[in-house]
Protein backbone atom coordinates (compact mmCIF):
# COMPACT_ATOMS: atom_id res chain seq x y z
CA MET A 1 177.19 26.79 -6.47
CA LYS A 2 174.79 28.92 -7.41
CA THR A 3 176.16 29.90 -10.99
CA ILE A 4 176.41 26.22 -11.91
CA SER A 5 172.72 25.43 -10.64
CA THR A 6 171.66 28.81 -12.40
CA LEU A 7 173.48 27.99 -15.92
CA TRP A 8 172.13 24.16 -15.53
CA GLU A 9 168.42 25.19 -16.10
CA LEU A 10 169.26 27.74 -19.12
CA ASP A 11 168.87 24.91 -21.78
CA THR A 12 166.94 26.60 -24.31
CA THR A 13 167.96 29.42 -26.62
CA GLU A 14 165.14 31.47 -25.29
CA ARG A 15 166.08 31.17 -21.63
CA ALA A 16 169.86 31.71 -22.16
CA ASN A 17 169.14 35.10 -24.03
CA ASN A 18 166.52 35.91 -21.57
CA TYR A 19 169.27 35.56 -18.91
CA LEU A 20 171.69 37.56 -20.49
CA THR A 21 169.49 40.18 -21.26
CA ASN A 22 168.04 40.64 -17.91
CA ASN A 23 171.86 40.30 -16.84
CA ALA A 24 173.52 42.80 -19.21
CA GLY A 25 176.41 44.55 -17.61
CA SER A 26 177.38 41.72 -15.51
CA SER A 27 178.89 38.55 -15.86
CA PHE A 28 178.76 34.99 -14.30
CA CYS A 29 181.69 33.38 -12.79
CA VAL A 30 183.45 29.92 -14.18
CA GLN A 31 185.17 28.13 -11.42
CA ASN A 32 187.30 25.27 -11.14
CA PHE A 33 186.07 21.65 -10.64
CA ILE A 34 188.52 19.86 -7.94
CA ASP A 35 187.73 16.89 -5.97
CA ASN A 36 184.22 17.00 -7.40
CA GLU A 37 183.78 20.25 -6.22
CA PHE A 38 183.47 23.74 -7.56
CA THR A 39 185.84 26.08 -5.80
CA GLU A 40 185.85 29.83 -4.73
CA ASN A 41 188.64 31.88 -6.30
CA THR A 42 190.51 31.87 -2.80
CA GLN A 43 194.09 32.31 -4.32
CA THR A 44 193.81 35.37 -6.36
CA GLU A 45 191.56 37.84 -7.31
CA ASP A 46 192.70 37.72 -11.12
CA TRP A 47 190.16 36.77 -13.57
CA ILE A 48 189.66 36.59 -16.98
CA ASP A 49 186.89 38.08 -19.24
CA THR A 50 185.35 36.42 -21.81
CA PHE A 51 182.87 37.95 -24.82
CA ASN A 52 179.99 37.15 -26.78
CA PRO A 53 181.55 36.49 -30.32
CA SER A 54 178.03 37.62 -31.77
CA THR A 55 177.92 41.11 -29.58
CA GLY A 56 181.39 41.67 -28.35
CA GLU A 57 179.91 41.95 -24.90
CA VAL A 58 181.41 40.67 -21.74
CA LEU A 59 179.99 37.16 -21.18
CA ALA A 60 181.73 35.61 -18.47
CA ARG A 61 184.63 35.98 -15.61
CA ILE A 62 187.00 32.69 -15.91
CA HIS A 63 189.03 31.82 -13.13
CA ARG A 64 192.83 32.57 -13.83
CA SER A 65 194.21 29.63 -11.76
CA ALA A 66 197.33 30.21 -9.84
CA ALA A 67 200.22 27.65 -9.72
CA SER A 68 198.49 26.85 -6.25
CA ASP A 69 195.53 25.68 -7.59
CA VAL A 70 196.85 23.87 -10.53
CA ASN A 71 199.13 22.00 -7.90
CA ARG A 72 195.96 21.08 -5.99
CA ALA A 73 194.46 19.60 -8.94
CA VAL A 74 197.22 17.50 -9.85
CA ASP A 75 197.27 16.59 -6.16
CA ALA A 76 193.60 15.52 -6.17
CA ALA A 77 194.34 13.31 -9.31
CA SER A 78 197.37 11.62 -7.90
CA LYS A 79 195.45 10.73 -4.80
CA ALA A 80 192.84 9.46 -7.03
CA PHE A 81 194.83 7.43 -9.26
CA PRO A 82 195.80 4.05 -7.22
CA SER A 83 192.01 3.33 -6.74
CA TRP A 84 190.91 4.55 -10.00
CA SER A 85 193.54 2.55 -11.83
CA ARG A 86 192.28 -0.67 -10.20
CA THR A 87 189.03 -0.43 -10.89
CA THR A 88 187.64 -3.33 -13.51
CA ARG A 89 186.98 -2.26 -17.08
CA GLN A 90 183.52 -2.83 -16.56
CA GLU A 91 183.20 -0.52 -13.92
CA ARG A 92 185.05 1.94 -16.14
CA ALA A 93 182.89 1.51 -18.75
CA ASP A 94 179.40 1.73 -16.56
CA MET A 95 180.75 5.28 -15.62
CA LEU A 96 181.53 6.60 -18.84
CA LEU A 97 178.08 5.35 -20.11
CA ARG A 98 176.65 7.11 -17.08
CA ILE A 99 178.34 10.12 -18.02
CA ALA A 100 177.19 10.04 -21.54
CA SER A 101 173.58 9.45 -20.40
CA ILE A 102 173.49 12.53 -18.35
CA LEU A 103 175.06 14.61 -21.37
CA ASP A 104 172.44 13.25 -23.72
CA GLU A 105 169.83 14.24 -21.24
CA LYS A 106 171.39 17.93 -21.55
CA LYS A 107 172.64 18.12 -24.80
CA GLU A 108 170.50 20.95 -25.70
CA LEU A 109 171.91 22.84 -22.63
CA PHE A 110 175.36 22.11 -23.89
CA ALA A 111 174.39 23.11 -27.53
CA VAL A 112 173.09 26.13 -26.64
CA TRP A 113 176.09 27.65 -24.41
CA GLU A 114 178.47 25.97 -26.89
CA SER A 115 176.99 28.35 -29.80
CA ILE A 116 176.52 31.59 -27.41
CA ASP A 117 180.30 31.10 -25.99
CA GLN A 118 182.19 30.07 -29.30
CA GLY A 119 180.07 31.63 -31.92
CA LYS A 120 179.18 28.51 -33.94
CA THR A 121 175.41 28.01 -35.36
CA LEU A 122 173.43 26.22 -32.85
CA ALA A 123 172.99 23.48 -35.64
CA ARG A 124 176.89 23.10 -35.51
CA ALA A 125 176.91 22.95 -31.73
CA ARG A 126 174.37 20.35 -31.86
CA VAL A 127 176.71 18.11 -33.92
CA GLU A 128 179.36 18.60 -31.78
CA VAL A 129 177.61 17.81 -28.53
CA ASP A 130 176.27 14.34 -29.95
CA ARG A 131 179.95 13.82 -31.30
CA ALA A 132 181.07 14.31 -27.52
CA ILE A 133 178.26 11.73 -26.13
CA ALA A 134 179.86 9.51 -28.94
CA ASN A 135 183.13 9.73 -27.61
CA PHE A 136 182.10 8.57 -24.31
CA ARG A 137 180.17 5.70 -25.48
CA TYR A 138 182.83 4.42 -27.92
CA PHE A 139 185.48 4.40 -25.22
CA ALA A 140 183.03 2.68 -22.87
CA THR A 141 182.30 -0.31 -25.24
CA TYR A 142 186.18 -0.40 -26.62
CA ILE A 143 187.73 -1.23 -23.36
CA LEU A 144 185.44 -4.28 -23.00
CA HIS A 145 186.93 -5.66 -26.24
CA GLU A 146 190.33 -5.17 -26.30
CA GLU A 147 192.86 -7.61 -27.68
CA GLY A 148 196.44 -8.37 -27.20
CA ALA A 149 199.24 -10.13 -28.36
CA VAL A 150 200.04 -13.80 -26.90
CA ARG A 151 203.25 -15.75 -28.64
CA PHE A 152 204.58 -18.87 -27.81
CA VAL A 153 208.60 -19.80 -28.15
CA ASP A 154 209.11 -23.77 -28.59
CA GLY A 155 212.53 -25.55 -27.35
CA PRO A 156 213.69 -26.70 -24.28
CA ALA A 157 213.00 -23.33 -22.45
CA SER A 158 209.22 -23.45 -23.63
CA THR A 159 207.88 -19.94 -23.03
CA LEU A 160 204.71 -17.77 -23.09
CA THR A 161 204.77 -14.24 -23.95
CA TYR A 162 202.25 -11.79 -23.48
CA GLU A 163 201.36 -8.22 -23.60
CA HIS A 164 200.34 -6.25 -20.47
CA ARG A 165 199.18 -2.68 -20.26
CA SER A 166 198.81 -0.44 -17.45
CA PRO A 167 197.40 2.84 -17.05
CA VAL A 168 200.22 5.93 -17.43
CA GLY A 169 199.15 7.99 -14.26
CA VAL A 170 197.93 11.72 -14.26
CA PHE A 171 197.30 13.32 -17.47
CA ALA A 172 197.04 16.90 -18.58
CA LEU A 173 194.20 17.43 -21.02
CA ILE A 174 194.27 20.83 -22.83
CA SER A 175 191.94 21.69 -25.47
CA PRO A 176 191.43 24.47 -27.85
CA TRP A 177 188.47 26.98 -28.25
CA ASN A 178 187.11 26.17 -31.66
CA MET A 179 185.44 22.97 -31.04
CA PRO A 180 185.72 23.43 -26.97
CA LEU A 181 183.55 20.18 -25.78
CA TYR A 182 183.89 17.95 -28.43
CA LEU A 183 187.73 17.91 -28.59
CA LEU A 184 188.07 18.01 -24.71
CA THR A 185 185.89 14.70 -24.44
CA TRP A 186 187.85 12.99 -26.94
CA LYS A 187 190.80 13.36 -24.42
CA ILE A 188 188.60 12.64 -21.08
CA ALA A 189 187.01 9.56 -22.20
CA PRO A 190 190.17 7.75 -23.23
CA CYS A 191 191.97 8.91 -20.31
CA LEU A 192 188.90 7.62 -17.90
CA ALA A 193 188.69 4.69 -19.74
CA PHE A 194 192.00 3.15 -20.00
CA GLY A 195 192.30 3.80 -15.99
CA CYS A 196 194.32 7.22 -15.81
CA THR A 197 193.11 10.37 -13.96
CA GLY A 198 193.37 14.13 -15.12
CA VAL A 199 193.67 17.58 -14.98
CA ALA A 200 191.82 19.14 -17.89
CA LYS A 201 192.04 22.64 -19.02
CA PRO A 202 190.20 23.99 -21.65
CA SER A 203 190.98 27.46 -23.83
CA GLU A 204 190.22 30.24 -21.46
CA VAL A 205 188.26 31.77 -24.55
CA THR A 206 185.48 29.24 -24.29
CA SER A 207 185.46 27.60 -20.80
CA ILE A 208 181.45 27.19 -20.01
CA THR A 209 180.66 24.21 -21.37
CA ALA A 210 183.92 22.61 -19.78
CA PHE A 211 182.41 23.92 -16.66
CA LEU A 212 178.90 22.30 -17.24
CA LEU A 213 180.83 19.36 -17.88
CA GLY A 214 182.04 19.43 -14.16
CA GLU A 215 178.36 19.12 -13.10
CA VAL A 216 177.96 16.09 -15.42
CA PHE A 217 180.64 14.51 -13.47
CA ARG A 218 179.55 15.26 -10.02
CA GLN A 219 176.06 14.20 -10.95
CA ALA A 220 177.43 11.16 -12.38
CA THR A 221 179.22 10.20 -8.99
CA LEU A 222 182.58 10.23 -10.50
CA PRO A 223 185.11 9.65 -7.69
CA PRO A 224 186.56 12.60 -6.25
CA GLY A 225 189.74 13.60 -8.15
CA VAL A 226 189.57 11.47 -11.19
CA MET A 227 188.62 14.23 -13.32
CA ASN A 228 189.47 17.83 -12.19
CA ILE A 229 188.97 20.99 -14.81
CA ILE A 230 190.81 23.95 -14.21
CA PHE A 231 190.63 27.38 -15.81
CA GLY A 232 193.33 29.75 -16.91
CA ASP A 233 195.67 31.00 -19.41
CA GLY A 234 198.28 29.06 -21.18
CA SER A 235 201.30 30.90 -19.99
CA GLY A 236 200.27 30.52 -16.54
CA ALA A 237 197.87 27.68 -15.30
CA GLY A 238 198.95 25.66 -18.77
CA SER A 239 202.54 25.80 -18.44
CA THR A 240 202.29 24.85 -14.74
CA LEU A 241 200.32 21.91 -15.37
CA VAL A 242 202.58 20.48 -18.12
CA LYS A 243 205.79 20.89 -16.28
CA SER A 244 204.49 19.20 -13.19
CA PRO A 245 206.54 16.24 -12.57
CA TYR A 246 203.57 14.60 -11.08
CA VAL A 247 201.72 14.89 -14.30
CA ARG A 248 202.98 11.39 -16.42
CA GLY A 249 201.40 12.44 -19.86
CA VAL A 250 199.98 15.51 -21.94
CA SER A 251 197.46 15.24 -24.66
CA PHE A 252 197.30 18.78 -26.47
CA THR A 253 195.30 20.03 -29.16
CA GLY A 254 196.05 23.69 -30.42
CA GLY A 255 198.79 25.96 -32.05
CA THR A 256 202.22 24.90 -33.09
CA SER A 257 203.85 27.33 -31.39
CA THR A 258 202.23 25.84 -28.20
CA GLY A 259 202.91 22.60 -28.97
CA ILE A 260 206.76 23.45 -29.45
CA ARG A 261 206.53 25.25 -25.77
CA ILE A 262 205.21 22.02 -24.65
CA ARG A 263 208.08 19.92 -25.95
CA GLN A 264 210.53 22.28 -24.75
CA ASP A 265 208.80 22.51 -20.99
CA THR A 266 209.05 18.68 -20.97
CA VAL A 267 212.14 17.75 -22.62
CA ALA A 268 213.87 16.78 -19.49
CA ASP A 269 211.31 14.31 -18.15
CA ILE A 270 211.82 11.87 -20.75
CA GLY A 271 209.18 9.38 -19.63
CA LYS A 272 206.17 11.74 -20.12
CA HIS A 273 204.05 10.68 -22.59
CA LEU A 274 203.06 13.44 -25.20
CA SER A 275 200.15 13.66 -27.94
CA LEU A 276 200.30 16.84 -29.58
CA GLU A 277 197.67 17.59 -32.28
CA LEU A 278 198.52 20.87 -34.25
CA GLY A 279 198.19 23.38 -36.65
CA GLY A 280 196.88 22.77 -40.53
CA LYS A 281 196.95 24.63 -43.78
CA ASN A 282 195.21 21.69 -45.47
CA PRO A 283 194.78 21.21 -49.38
CA THR A 284 191.93 20.41 -51.18
CA LEU A 285 192.59 18.73 -54.90
CA ILE A 286 189.90 18.49 -57.26
CA PHE A 287 190.55 16.74 -60.55
CA ASP A 288 188.83 17.47 -63.89
CA ASP A 289 186.61 14.13 -63.61
CA VAL A 290 184.49 15.40 -60.77
CA ASP A 291 180.95 16.65 -60.75
CA LEU A 292 181.24 19.96 -60.70
CA ALA A 293 178.13 21.09 -58.68
CA LYS A 294 178.92 18.28 -56.16
CA ALA A 295 182.59 19.57 -55.83
CA VAL A 296 181.77 22.85 -55.33
CA ALA A 297 179.36 21.92 -52.37
CA LEU A 298 182.15 19.74 -50.71
CA ALA A 299 184.89 22.27 -51.01
CA ALA A 300 182.74 24.95 -49.49
CA GLN A 301 181.82 22.83 -46.63
CA ALA A 302 185.39 22.08 -46.21
CA SER A 303 186.27 25.41 -46.24
CA PHE A 304 183.60 27.21 -44.16
CA GLU A 305 182.22 24.90 -41.62
CA ASN A 306 182.19 26.70 -38.14
CA SER A 307 183.74 29.69 -40.00
CA GLY A 308 186.74 27.84 -41.22
CA GLN A 309 187.79 27.36 -37.55
CA ILE A 310 188.39 23.51 -37.82
CA CYS A 311 192.04 22.40 -37.91
CA LEU A 312 190.76 20.25 -40.44
CA CYS A 313 189.57 22.83 -42.96
CA GLY A 314 190.59 22.69 -46.48
CA SER A 315 191.83 26.26 -46.53
CA ARG A 316 194.20 25.78 -50.09
CA ILE A 317 191.87 24.59 -53.01
CA TYR A 318 193.75 23.41 -56.05
CA VAL A 319 191.43 22.62 -58.85
CA HIS A 320 192.73 20.75 -62.63
CA ARG A 321 193.12 23.93 -65.25
CA ASP A 322 190.56 22.45 -67.29
CA ILE A 323 187.68 22.98 -65.27
CA TYR A 324 189.15 25.89 -62.85
CA GLU A 325 187.51 28.36 -65.08
CA ARG A 326 184.26 26.75 -64.30
CA PHE A 327 184.70 25.78 -60.82
CA LEU A 328 185.99 29.43 -59.58
CA PRO A 329 182.73 31.58 -60.40
CA ALA A 330 180.48 28.70 -59.45
CA PHE A 331 182.17 28.36 -56.19
CA ALA A 332 181.98 31.82 -55.50
CA GLU A 333 178.61 31.92 -56.19
CA TYR A 334 177.59 28.95 -54.10
CA VAL A 335 179.51 30.34 -50.88
CA HIS A 336 177.63 33.68 -51.20
CA LYS A 337 174.37 32.22 -51.62
CA ASN A 338 174.84 29.26 -48.81
CA TYR A 339 177.01 30.83 -46.07
CA ARG A 340 175.58 33.99 -44.79
CA CYS A 341 176.63 35.80 -41.59
CA GLY A 342 174.15 35.21 -38.92
CA GLU A 343 172.22 32.58 -40.47
CA THR A 344 174.34 29.83 -41.92
CA ILE A 345 177.78 30.81 -40.28
CA GLY A 346 178.66 32.54 -37.20
CA PRO A 347 181.32 35.11 -36.08
CA VAL A 348 185.05 33.98 -35.53
CA VAL A 349 185.60 33.41 -31.76
CA SER A 350 187.28 36.77 -30.18
CA ARG A 351 188.57 40.24 -30.81
CA GLU A 352 191.95 38.87 -30.82
CA HIS A 353 191.31 36.48 -33.62
CA TYR A 354 189.41 38.78 -35.44
CA SER A 355 192.28 41.15 -35.80
CA LYS A 356 194.51 38.10 -37.01
CA VAL A 357 192.10 36.95 -39.74
CA ARG A 358 191.71 40.65 -40.93
CA SER A 359 195.47 41.35 -41.04
CA TYR A 360 195.74 38.10 -43.49
CA LEU A 361 193.11 39.69 -45.60
CA ARG A 362 194.66 43.06 -45.47
CA LEU A 363 197.95 41.36 -46.82
CA ALA A 364 195.93 39.85 -49.28
CA GLN A 365 194.78 43.08 -50.76
CA ASP A 366 198.16 44.68 -50.42
CA GLU A 367 199.33 41.84 -52.69
CA LYS A 368 196.92 42.30 -55.09
CA ALA A 369 195.01 39.11 -54.79
CA HIS A 370 191.41 39.07 -56.06
CA PHE A 371 188.26 39.11 -53.79
CA HIS A 372 185.66 36.88 -55.24
CA THR A 373 183.60 37.18 -51.99
CA GLY A 374 184.52 38.84 -48.75
CA GLU A 375 186.27 41.93 -48.01
CA VAL A 376 188.79 43.30 -45.47
CA PRO A 377 186.53 44.23 -42.73
CA ASP A 378 186.66 47.06 -40.44
CA GLU A 379 189.59 47.60 -38.17
CA ASP A 380 187.34 48.11 -35.00
CA PRO A 381 184.72 45.25 -35.03
CA HIS A 382 180.93 46.48 -34.33
CA ASN A 383 178.49 44.42 -32.89
CA GLY A 384 180.48 41.26 -32.61
CA TYR A 385 183.31 39.52 -34.55
CA TRP A 386 181.62 39.07 -37.75
CA ILE A 387 184.00 38.18 -41.04
CA LYS A 388 182.39 37.38 -44.35
CA PRO A 389 183.35 34.03 -46.31
CA THR A 390 186.25 35.18 -48.52
CA VAL A 391 187.38 33.47 -51.64
CA LEU A 392 190.58 34.62 -52.92
CA SER A 393 192.46 34.19 -56.34
CA GLY A 394 195.65 35.18 -57.49
CA VAL A 395 197.71 34.43 -54.50
CA CYS A 396 201.50 33.54 -54.86
CA THR A 397 202.74 30.32 -53.52
CA ASP A 398 205.24 31.64 -51.31
CA SER A 399 202.71 34.32 -49.69
CA ARG A 400 202.02 34.21 -46.39
CA VAL A 401 198.44 33.93 -46.90
CA MET A 402 199.00 30.54 -48.91
CA ARG A 403 201.36 29.27 -46.40
CA GLU A 404 200.42 29.86 -42.49
CA GLU A 405 197.26 28.91 -40.95
CA ILE A 406 194.59 31.84 -40.60
CA PHE A 407 191.99 29.52 -39.03
CA GLY A 408 189.25 31.64 -40.33
CA PRO A 409 186.66 31.77 -43.28
CA VAL A 410 189.53 32.31 -45.70
CA VAL A 411 190.14 30.07 -48.70
CA THR A 412 192.44 30.41 -51.88
CA VAL A 413 191.75 28.98 -55.05
CA SER A 414 194.80 27.90 -57.55
CA PRO A 415 195.01 26.04 -60.77
CA PHE A 416 197.23 22.97 -61.32
CA ASP A 417 198.03 21.16 -64.63
CA THR A 418 199.29 17.53 -63.89
CA GLU A 419 198.83 15.16 -61.34
CA LYS A 420 202.56 15.55 -60.31
CA GLU A 421 201.91 19.29 -59.75
CA ALA A 422 199.06 18.66 -57.66
CA ILE A 423 200.77 16.45 -55.11
CA GLU A 424 203.53 19.00 -54.95
CA LEU A 425 201.02 21.97 -54.29
CA ALA A 426 199.44 19.85 -51.42
CA ASN A 427 202.71 18.83 -49.94
CA ASP A 428 204.36 22.41 -50.13
CA ASN A 429 203.81 23.46 -46.54
CA PRO A 430 205.30 22.92 -43.36
CA ASN A 431 201.84 21.57 -41.96
CA GLY A 432 200.79 18.03 -42.76
CA LEU A 433 197.45 17.47 -40.95
CA ALA A 434 194.64 16.73 -43.13
CA SER A 435 193.45 16.97 -47.07
CA VAL A 436 190.47 16.52 -49.15
CA LEU A 437 190.91 14.45 -52.73
CA MET A 438 188.07 14.92 -55.15
CA THR A 439 188.24 12.52 -58.34
CA THR A 440 186.25 9.43 -59.57
CA ASP A 441 189.56 7.58 -60.78
CA ILE A 442 189.92 4.79 -58.20
CA SER A 443 193.51 4.46 -59.14
CA ARG A 444 194.27 7.98 -58.79
CA MET A 445 192.34 7.89 -55.24
CA ARG A 446 195.38 5.72 -53.99
CA ARG A 447 198.16 7.03 -56.01
CA VAL A 448 197.47 10.68 -54.99
CA GLY A 449 195.99 10.00 -51.51
CA GLU A 450 198.90 7.88 -50.52
CA GLN A 451 201.61 10.63 -51.33
CA ILE A 452 200.05 13.59 -49.73
CA GLU A 453 201.88 14.43 -46.56
CA ALA A 454 198.95 14.41 -44.28
CA GLY A 455 197.65 12.13 -41.22
CA LEU A 456 194.20 12.10 -42.31
CA VAL A 457 193.07 11.91 -46.08
CA TRP A 458 189.41 12.39 -47.16
CA VAL A 459 188.76 10.90 -50.62
CA ASN A 460 185.20 12.67 -52.19
CA CYS A 461 183.96 13.30 -48.53
CA TRP A 462 185.03 15.57 -45.54
CA LEU A 463 185.04 15.20 -41.61
CA VAL A 464 183.65 11.55 -41.74
CA ARG A 465 185.20 9.95 -38.68
CA GLU A 466 185.27 6.18 -37.31
CA LEU A 467 186.65 6.68 -33.42
CA GLY A 468 188.66 3.89 -34.18
CA THR A 469 190.74 5.24 -36.67
CA ALA A 470 194.04 6.96 -36.35
CA PHE A 471 193.74 10.84 -35.74
CA GLY A 472 196.85 13.17 -36.12
CA GLY A 473 199.12 15.09 -38.41
CA MET A 474 202.63 14.87 -39.65
CA LYS A 475 205.45 17.18 -40.18
CA ALA A 476 204.55 20.34 -38.23
CA SER A 477 200.94 19.31 -37.38
CA GLY A 478 202.05 17.11 -34.29
CA ILE A 479 203.14 13.69 -32.88
CA GLY A 480 201.38 11.02 -31.83
CA ARG A 481 197.92 9.68 -32.79
CA GLU A 482 194.78 9.10 -31.05
CA GLY A 483 191.29 7.13 -31.75
CA GLY A 484 191.42 3.65 -30.69
CA ALA A 485 193.97 1.61 -30.26
CA GLN A 486 196.33 4.81 -30.83
CA SER A 487 194.57 6.42 -27.80
CA ARG A 488 195.42 3.42 -25.75
CA ASP A 489 199.02 3.57 -26.75
CA VAL A 490 198.88 7.10 -25.30
CA PHE A 491 197.19 6.60 -21.86
CA THR A 492 198.94 3.09 -21.14
CA ASN A 493 202.41 1.69 -20.63
CA LEU A 494 203.20 -1.48 -22.47
CA ARG A 495 204.95 -4.30 -20.85
CA THR A 496 205.90 -8.26 -22.45
CA LEU A 497 206.18 -10.80 -19.73
CA HIS A 498 207.94 -14.06 -20.83
CA VAL A 499 206.79 -16.80 -18.60
CA ARG A 500 208.51 -19.94 -18.71
């Protein structure tokens, strides 16, 4: 297709920007990828406009898939499943490594368009593309070294008992807009590795790298129908996809309200596998034995990476009172110097999200919170969706600013007096996805870390991932875990055979 062949060559920032400048006022079309082909929008003339977060200008037109488009993709995946599920582990591993190799060759292309489409810095985009490549390479090798349980029952009826796993079937793979390629491949790689087929639906806000990924699958000669990519909104294409009786599993990353809707839509299909990684309002606990400079830098990174648009960001910072008065001005100064719009931090992803984040800043202003950095931005964004990194103090524990996921460059800083209080503050939230703990006391690392109600706890570090470890949240932050053996649980059915 002309669109994909054109984009495929725009693999530097200069080429991409020249293309956008020379085609100002027009936009390119992002098309569905079904049965290894990019499809024309034959069912509807309904498109979704997406915008360049840095400028506010129209960037692309996204195919708003109709129910017939979704059903066609599910049908393709269903027809491909019997053959793909019977391939050997080595064949699947070779395919994943081939996909990773093509991605590696074109990683600057993906980084450039991820940066343009989502608004993240090019440096951040490069990190995420490297992680997407690692997803395919990790699961390619994982399936070659799986282990299962074998047991013997002694006695007159001596029996061998062993575990056998088989692929679940067709999966719906739905990913968010904040880390588009990385989180989409985090689902696609294990889906393919464990012998399932899939229909992927990226966010309609950031669809370009998913569109490019279809070309990777085509060049890798992935068999037709094994992985399909459709575009559209959640209430239309997404809802149709998860409700399909031919879809036997759903892996979703996104907002809690959407996760609730998915559970409601699938409640009658009791055998459908669900893995839901939802929102976070994550605490960062800083005790008085830390190196202050290191604590400031780590807390800032965990707060403002990708403009705070990572579900794992630490947006509630709690500092021991003995160092609170030193930490707060040092933190604000560090953020002011090191997180600069247009240089080290990008815009938020969309006008809608800009308005959401702005509403929380306006609420903080009305509640008399103290702004150490940042401000309430203009109601009408000019030249992109830019929001300055904002450090707040004096926010009440029951404020919506403190309790709800803002998902932007906004953090609150509050003091605590005792270890018990720190744990209570950390756990005083409906969410339980991630947390950061800073201390040099090894006993405290375990004592506090094991009491924080979060699926992931980082001690004196942040965003460090070993892909075999469990990833997922507690409480309102979701159900299920993914990563290594946990992903195997999501994408396979387990049966136990008892052989006399």
